[in-house]
Amino acid sequence: MGNFKSFGSLINRLRLERNLSQRVVADKIGIDVSMLSKIEHGERQVQPHMVISIADIFNIDVKKLEIEYLVSRITEQYGSNPHFKE
């Protein structure tokens, strides 16, 4: 994992690698396809409660996925701060 523009792009990559449709993934997360599409394109954010479902869908350790989620949120919030990269 790591080095993704957004958490949504990670979900997109995982979904495509496993040949899963947006419909299947959205249903398992409990959201509609439109919302998943927006998440994958960085237009909406994953809600914290969705991370466990996403880990289950892709058979990923939930703690590792939570770390990816938190890193993406911190990067979004502070990535433009000049001291962030230090």
Protein backbone atom coordinates (compact mmCIF):
# COMPACT_ATOMS: atom_id res chain seq x y z
CA MET A 1 0.00 0.00 0.00
CA GLY A 2 1.16 3.60 0.37
CA ASN A 3 2.01 6.34 -2.14
CA PHE A 4 -1.55 6.96 -3.30
CA LYS A 5 -2.96 10.35 -4.18
CA SER A 6 -5.96 9.54 -2.02
CA PHE A 7 -7.47 6.74 -0.03
CA GLY A 8 -10.06 6.50 -2.80
CA SER A 9 -7.37 5.74 -5.38
CA LEU A 10 -6.22 2.87 -3.15
CA ILE A 11 -9.77 1.49 -3.09
CA ASN A 12 -9.95 1.84 -6.86
CA ARG A 13 -6.70 -0.04 -7.38
CA LEU A 14 -7.70 -2.84 -5.00
CA ARG A 15 -11.11 -3.16 -6.63
CA LEU A 16 -9.66 -3.36 -10.14
CA GLU A 17 -6.96 -5.85 -9.10
CA ARG A 18 -9.68 -8.14 -7.81
CA ASN A 19 -12.00 -7.61 -10.78
CA LEU A 20 -14.82 -6.36 -8.57
CA SER A 21 -17.47 -4.02 -9.90
CA GLN A 22 -18.29 -0.78 -8.17
CA ARG A 23 -21.77 -2.20 -7.52
CA VAL A 24 -20.38 -5.17 -5.56
CA VAL A 25 -18.00 -3.06 -3.48
CA ALA A 26 -20.56 -0.31 -2.86
CA ASP A 27 -23.15 -2.85 -1.70
CA LYS A 28 -20.68 -4.44 0.71
CA ILE A 29 -19.71 -1.05 2.14
CA GLY A 30 -23.35 0.01 2.37
CA ILE A 31 -23.22 2.99 0.00
CA ASP A 32 -24.48 3.62 -3.50
CA VAL A 33 -22.35 3.31 -6.64
CA SER A 34 -22.35 7.08 -7.16
CA MET A 35 -20.80 7.62 -3.73
CA LEU A 36 -18.13 4.95 -4.36
CA SER A 37 -17.28 6.56 -7.69
CA LYS A 38 -16.87 9.93 -5.98
CA ILE A 39 -14.67 8.35 -3.30
CA GLU A 40 -12.47 6.67 -5.92
CA HIS A 41 -12.08 9.99 -7.77
CA GLY A 42 -11.25 11.95 -4.61
CA GLU A 43 -14.48 13.95 -4.66
CA ARG A 44 -15.81 12.44 -1.40
CA GLN A 45 -14.16 11.00 1.67
CA VAL A 46 -14.44 7.55 3.17
CA GLN A 47 -16.13 7.71 6.54
CA PRO A 48 -14.14 6.11 9.38
CA HIS A 49 -16.78 3.41 9.96
CA MET A 50 -16.35 2.22 6.34
CA VAL A 51 -12.71 1.24 6.82
CA ILE A 52 -13.55 -2.06 8.54
CA SER A 53 -15.89 -3.09 5.71
CA ILE A 54 -13.28 -2.14 3.13
CA ALA A 55 -10.64 -4.21 4.93
CA ASP A 56 -13.02 -7.18 4.94
CA ILE A 57 -13.86 -6.84 1.25
CA PHE A 58 -10.23 -6.79 0.19
CA ASN A 59 -8.96 -9.15 2.91
CA ILE A 60 -6.52 -6.58 4.28
CA ASP A 61 -5.41 -6.25 7.89
CA VAL A 62 -7.74 -3.62 9.34
CA LYS A 63 -4.98 -1.92 11.34
CA LYS A 64 -2.84 -1.46 8.22
CA LEU A 65 -5.80 -0.05 6.32
CA GLU A 66 -6.66 2.28 9.20
CA ILE A 67 -3.09 3.60 9.09
CA GLU A 68 -3.41 4.21 5.33
CA TYR A 69 -6.70 6.00 5.96
CA LEU A 70 -5.23 8.21 8.68
CA VAL A 71 -2.14 9.02 6.60
CA SER A 72 -4.35 10.06 3.70
CA ARG A 73 -6.50 12.27 5.94
CA ILE A 74 -3.46 13.92 7.55
CA THR A 75 -1.87 14.48 4.15
CA GLU A 76 -5.08 16.06 2.85
CA GLN A 77 -5.29 18.34 5.85
CA TYR A 78 -1.65 19.35 6.14
CA GLY A 79 0.02 18.36 2.86
CA SER A 80 0.27 21.93 1.61
CA ASN A 81 1.95 23.11 4.82
CA PRO A 82 5.62 23.77 3.97
CA HIS A 83 6.78 22.10 7.19
CA PHE A 84 4.74 18.94 6.63
CA LYS A 85 7.31 17.21 4.43
CA GLU A 86 10.06 17.85 6.95
